[in-house]
């Protein structure tokens, strides 16, 4: 499926739209300085099973890398996607504190 993804900063989300301009899905985020927290990924029911979420995940991770941002993947989908794409691990914040 061909989609167009754009950052809609006033809504704090990246939106995926199909060729007709219909919303196919989105990733919400919170941005503080150079840290971006991805909080939720959603694919609209009419577009599920068409690879929209995966395209969104790749786009938002590429965007963060291009802008030099550190990613905090709170969204379970984004966190799992990163786990399957270790080439993006360098963009993710890691806890360096030892737990006692």
N, C-alpha and C. Protein backbone atom coordinates (compact mmCIF):
# COMPACT_ATOMS: atom_id res chain seq x y z
N UNK A 1 0.84 -1.19 0.00
CA UNK A 1 0.00 0.00 0.00
C UNK A 1 0.88 1.24 0.00
N UNK A 2 0.56 2.16 -0.87
CA UNK A 2 1.30 3.42 -0.93
C UNK A 2 0.68 4.41 0.04
N UNK A 3 1.51 4.89 0.96
CA UNK A 3 1.05 5.89 1.92
C UNK A 3 2.03 7.05 1.96
N UNK A 4 1.54 8.17 2.45
CA UNK A 4 2.36 9.35 2.67
C UNK A 4 2.35 9.60 4.17
N UNK A 5 3.54 9.81 4.75
CA UNK A 5 3.65 10.05 6.18
C UNK A 5 4.18 11.45 6.41
N UNK A 6 3.55 12.15 7.35
CA UNK A 6 4.01 13.50 7.67
C UNK A 6 3.92 13.73 9.17
N UNK A 7 4.77 14.65 9.64
CA UNK A 7 4.77 15.05 11.04
C UNK A 7 3.74 16.16 11.21
N UNK A 8 2.73 15.91 12.02
CA UNK A 8 1.70 16.91 12.31
C UNK A 8 2.00 17.40 13.73
N UNK A 9 2.93 18.32 13.81
CA UNK A 9 3.48 18.75 15.11
C UNK A 9 2.42 19.31 16.05
N UNK A 10 1.42 20.00 15.52
CA UNK A 10 0.39 20.57 16.40
C UNK A 10 -0.45 19.50 17.08
N UNK A 11 -0.47 18.28 16.54
CA UNK A 11 -1.16 17.16 17.16
C UNK A 11 -0.19 16.20 17.86
N UNK A 12 1.09 16.51 17.77
CA UNK A 12 2.16 15.65 18.31
C UNK A 12 2.01 14.22 17.81
N UNK A 13 1.93 14.09 16.49
CA UNK A 13 1.85 12.75 15.91
C UNK A 13 2.30 12.77 14.45
N UNK A 14 2.75 11.61 14.02
CA UNK A 14 3.03 11.37 12.61
C UNK A 14 1.81 10.69 12.04
N UNK A 15 1.33 11.16 10.90
CA UNK A 15 0.14 10.59 10.29
C UNK A 15 0.49 9.93 8.96
N UNK A 16 -0.10 8.76 8.74
CA UNK A 16 0.00 8.06 7.47
C UNK A 16 -1.32 8.22 6.74
N UNK A 17 -1.26 8.65 5.51
CA UNK A 17 -2.47 8.82 4.70
C UNK A 17 -2.33 8.05 3.40
N UNK A 18 -3.44 7.45 2.96
CA UNK A 18 -3.41 6.71 1.71
C UNK A 18 -3.50 7.66 0.52
N UNK A 19 -3.54 7.09 -0.67
CA UNK A 19 -3.53 7.90 -1.90
C UNK A 19 -4.73 8.84 -2.00
N UNK A 20 -5.83 8.48 -1.34
CA UNK A 20 -7.02 9.34 -1.36
C UNK A 20 -7.01 10.38 -0.25
N UNK A 21 -5.97 10.36 0.59
CA UNK A 21 -5.87 11.31 1.68
C UNK A 21 -6.53 10.85 2.97
N UNK A 22 -7.05 9.63 2.97
CA UNK A 22 -7.70 9.09 4.16
C UNK A 22 -6.65 8.68 5.20
N UNK A 23 -6.93 8.98 6.47
CA UNK A 23 -6.02 8.61 7.54
C UNK A 23 -5.93 7.09 7.62
N UNK A 24 -4.70 6.57 7.52
CA UNK A 24 -4.47 5.12 7.58
C UNK A 24 -3.94 4.70 8.94
N UNK A 25 -3.24 5.61 9.61
CA UNK A 25 -2.69 5.30 10.93
C UNK A 25 -1.85 6.46 11.42
N UNK A 26 -1.36 6.30 12.68
CA UNK A 26 -0.54 7.37 13.25
C UNK A 26 0.31 6.85 14.39
N UNK A 27 1.35 7.62 14.70
CA UNK A 27 2.20 7.39 15.87
C UNK A 27 2.20 8.69 16.66
N UNK A 28 1.80 8.63 17.94
CA UNK A 28 1.83 9.81 18.79
C UNK A 28 3.18 9.91 19.48
N UNK A 29 3.55 11.13 19.83
CA UNK A 29 4.84 11.34 20.48
C UNK A 29 4.80 12.53 21.42
N UNK A 30 5.82 12.58 22.26
CA UNK A 30 6.09 13.74 23.10
C UNK A 30 7.54 14.11 22.84
N UNK A 31 7.78 15.37 22.58
CA UNK A 31 9.12 15.85 22.27
C UNK A 31 9.58 16.82 23.33
N UNK A 32 10.73 16.53 23.91
CA UNK A 32 11.36 17.42 24.90
C UNK A 32 12.81 17.58 24.50
N UNK A 33 13.14 18.76 24.02
CA UNK A 33 14.51 18.98 23.57
C UNK A 33 14.87 18.02 22.46
N UNK A 34 15.89 17.20 22.69
CA UNK A 34 16.38 16.26 21.69
C UNK A 34 15.87 14.84 21.94
N UNK A 35 14.93 14.69 22.87
CA UNK A 35 14.40 13.37 23.20
C UNK A 35 12.97 13.27 22.70
N UNK A 36 12.70 12.20 21.95
CA UNK A 36 11.35 11.97 21.45
C UNK A 36 10.85 10.65 22.04
N UNK A 37 9.66 10.71 22.63
CA UNK A 37 9.04 9.55 23.25
C UNK A 37 7.87 9.14 22.36
N UNK A 38 7.96 7.93 21.79
CA UNK A 38 6.85 7.41 20.99
C UNK A 38 5.89 6.70 21.93
N UNK A 39 4.66 7.20 22.00
CA UNK A 39 3.73 6.74 23.02
C UNK A 39 2.66 5.77 22.52
N UNK A 40 2.30 5.84 21.25
CA UNK A 40 1.21 4.99 20.76
C UNK A 40 1.25 4.89 19.24
N UNK A 41 0.98 3.70 18.74
CA UNK A 41 0.84 3.48 17.30
C UNK A 41 -0.56 2.92 17.06
N UNK A 42 -1.23 3.47 16.06
CA UNK A 42 -2.57 2.98 15.74
C UNK A 42 -2.74 2.92 14.23
N UNK A 43 -3.32 1.82 13.77
CA UNK A 43 -3.70 1.66 12.38
C UNK A 43 -5.22 1.67 12.33
N UNK A 44 -5.78 2.45 11.44
CA UNK A 44 -7.23 2.51 11.31
C UNK A 44 -7.74 1.14 10.83
N UNK A 45 -8.92 0.72 11.31
CA UNK A 45 -9.45 -0.60 10.96
C UNK A 45 -9.48 -0.87 9.45
N UNK A 46 -9.81 0.12 8.67
CA UNK A 46 -9.88 -0.06 7.21
C UNK A 46 -8.52 -0.29 6.55
N UNK A 47 -7.44 -0.09 7.31
CA UNK A 47 -6.10 -0.22 6.74
C UNK A 47 -5.25 -1.28 7.47
N UNK A 48 -5.85 -2.01 8.39
CA UNK A 48 -5.09 -3.01 9.14
C UNK A 48 -4.67 -4.16 8.22
N UNK A 49 -3.51 -4.73 8.54
CA UNK A 49 -3.01 -5.85 7.76
C UNK A 49 -2.38 -5.47 6.44
N UNK A 50 -2.10 -4.18 6.26
CA UNK A 50 -1.54 -3.70 4.99
C UNK A 50 -0.14 -3.12 5.14
N UNK A 51 0.47 -3.31 6.32
CA UNK A 51 1.84 -2.85 6.53
C UNK A 51 1.99 -1.39 6.94
N UNK A 52 0.89 -0.75 7.30
CA UNK A 52 0.94 0.67 7.65
C UNK A 52 1.77 0.90 8.90
N UNK A 53 1.56 0.11 9.94
CA UNK A 53 2.29 0.30 11.21
C UNK A 53 3.79 0.14 11.00
N UNK A 54 4.20 -0.84 10.22
CA UNK A 54 5.62 -1.04 9.95
C UNK A 54 6.23 0.13 9.19
N UNK A 55 5.48 0.66 8.23
CA UNK A 55 5.97 1.83 7.48
C UNK A 55 6.09 3.04 8.40
N UNK A 56 5.11 3.20 9.30
CA UNK A 56 5.17 4.30 10.26
C UNK A 56 6.39 4.15 11.17
N UNK A 57 6.61 2.94 11.69
CA UNK A 57 7.74 2.71 12.59
C UNK A 57 9.06 3.06 11.92
N UNK A 58 9.25 2.57 10.71
CA UNK A 58 10.50 2.87 9.99
C UNK A 58 10.63 4.37 9.76
N UNK A 59 9.55 5.02 9.37
CA UNK A 59 9.60 6.46 9.09
C UNK A 59 9.97 7.24 10.34
N UNK A 60 9.30 6.95 11.47
CA UNK A 60 9.58 7.74 12.68
C UNK A 60 11.00 7.49 13.19
N UNK A 61 11.49 6.27 13.04
CA UNK A 61 12.86 5.99 13.48
C UNK A 61 13.88 6.67 12.55
N UNK A 62 13.62 6.65 11.26
CA UNK A 62 14.50 7.36 10.32
C UNK A 62 14.48 8.86 10.58
N UNK A 63 13.30 9.39 10.88
CA UNK A 63 13.17 10.81 11.17
C UNK A 63 13.98 11.18 12.42
N UNK A 64 13.86 10.36 13.46
CA UNK A 64 14.62 10.64 14.69
C UNK A 64 16.11 10.60 14.42
N UNK A 65 16.55 9.62 13.66
CA UNK A 65 17.99 9.51 13.33
C UNK A 65 18.45 10.73 12.54
N UNK A 66 17.68 11.14 11.54
CA UNK A 66 18.04 12.29 10.71
C UNK A 66 18.15 13.56 11.54
N UNK A 67 17.27 13.70 12.52
CA UNK A 67 17.26 14.90 13.36
C UNK A 67 18.17 14.79 14.58
N UNK A 68 18.86 13.66 14.73
CA UNK A 68 19.77 13.48 15.85
C UNK A 68 19.06 13.35 17.19
N UNK A 69 17.85 12.79 17.18
CA UNK A 69 17.07 12.66 18.41
C UNK A 69 17.30 11.29 19.06
N UNK A 70 17.15 11.28 20.38
CA UNK A 70 17.19 10.04 21.13
C UNK A 70 15.76 9.56 21.33
N UNK A 71 15.52 8.29 21.04
CA UNK A 71 14.18 7.72 21.07
C UNK A 71 13.93 6.97 22.38
N UNK A 72 12.77 7.22 22.97
CA UNK A 72 12.28 6.45 24.11
C UNK A 72 11.00 5.77 23.63
N UNK A 73 11.06 4.47 23.35
CA UNK A 73 9.90 3.77 22.78
C UNK A 73 8.96 3.21 23.86
N UNK A 74 8.05 4.04 24.35
CA UNK A 74 7.06 3.57 25.32
C UNK A 74 6.00 2.72 24.63
N UNK A 75 5.67 3.04 23.41
CA UNK A 75 4.70 2.28 22.63
C UNK A 75 5.19 0.84 22.44
N UNK A 76 4.40 -0.15 22.85
CA UNK A 76 4.83 -1.54 22.70
C UNK A 76 5.13 -1.93 21.26
N UNK A 77 4.36 -1.43 20.30
CA UNK A 77 4.61 -1.78 18.91
C UNK A 77 5.97 -1.26 18.45
N UNK A 78 6.27 0.00 18.73
CA UNK A 78 7.55 0.59 18.32
C UNK A 78 8.70 -0.14 19.01
N UNK A 79 8.55 -0.43 20.30
CA UNK A 79 9.61 -1.15 21.04
C UNK A 79 9.86 -2.52 20.41
N UNK A 80 8.81 -3.24 20.08
CA UNK A 80 8.96 -4.55 19.46
C UNK A 80 9.59 -4.43 18.07
N UNK A 81 9.17 -3.42 17.32
CA UNK A 81 9.71 -3.21 15.98
C UNK A 81 11.21 -2.95 16.05
N UNK A 82 11.64 -2.12 17.00
CA UNK A 82 13.07 -1.84 17.17
C UNK A 82 13.82 -3.13 17.51
N UNK A 83 13.21 -3.97 18.34
CA UNK A 83 13.83 -5.24 18.68
C UNK A 83 14.08 -6.12 17.46
N UNK A 84 13.24 -6.00 16.45
CA UNK A 84 13.38 -6.77 15.21
C UNK A 84 14.29 -6.07 14.20
N UNK A 85 14.65 -4.82 14.49
CA UNK A 85 15.50 -4.02 13.59
C UNK A 85 16.64 -3.40 14.39
N UNK A 86 17.60 -4.23 14.81
CA UNK A 86 18.67 -3.75 15.68
C UNK A 86 19.54 -2.65 15.08
N UNK A 87 19.43 -2.42 13.79
CA UNK A 87 20.19 -1.33 13.18
C UNK A 87 19.75 0.03 13.69
N UNK A 88 18.61 0.09 14.40
CA UNK A 88 18.13 1.34 14.97
C UNK A 88 18.46 1.49 16.45
N UNK A 89 19.10 0.51 17.04
CA UNK A 89 19.39 0.52 18.48
C UNK A 89 20.22 1.73 18.90
N UNK A 90 21.06 2.24 18.02
CA UNK A 90 21.90 3.39 18.37
C UNK A 90 21.11 4.66 18.58
N UNK A 91 19.85 4.69 18.17
CA UNK A 91 19.00 5.87 18.36
C UNK A 91 18.16 5.80 19.63
N UNK A 92 18.22 4.67 20.34
CA UNK A 92 17.34 4.42 21.48
C UNK A 92 18.05 4.70 22.79
N UNK A 93 17.33 5.36 23.71
CA UNK A 93 17.87 5.61 25.05
C UNK A 93 17.97 4.29 25.80
N UNK A 94 19.06 4.10 26.52
CA UNK A 94 19.25 2.88 27.30
C UNK A 94 19.51 3.25 28.74
N UNK A 95 18.92 2.50 29.65
CA UNK A 95 19.12 2.71 31.08
C UNK A 95 20.51 2.17 31.45
N UNK A 96 21.33 3.02 32.02
CA UNK A 96 22.69 2.60 32.41
C UNK A 96 22.83 2.43 33.92
N UNK A 97 21.77 2.68 34.66
CA UNK A 97 21.83 2.51 36.12
C UNK A 97 21.69 1.04 36.49
N UNK A 98 22.44 0.63 37.49
CA UNK A 98 22.32 -0.73 37.99
C UNK A 98 21.22 -0.78 39.04
N UNK A 99 20.39 -1.81 38.94
CA UNK A 99 19.31 -1.99 39.88
C UNK A 99 19.78 -2.92 40.99
N UNK A 100 19.55 -2.51 42.24
CA UNK A 100 19.98 -3.34 43.36
C UNK A 100 18.89 -4.27 43.80
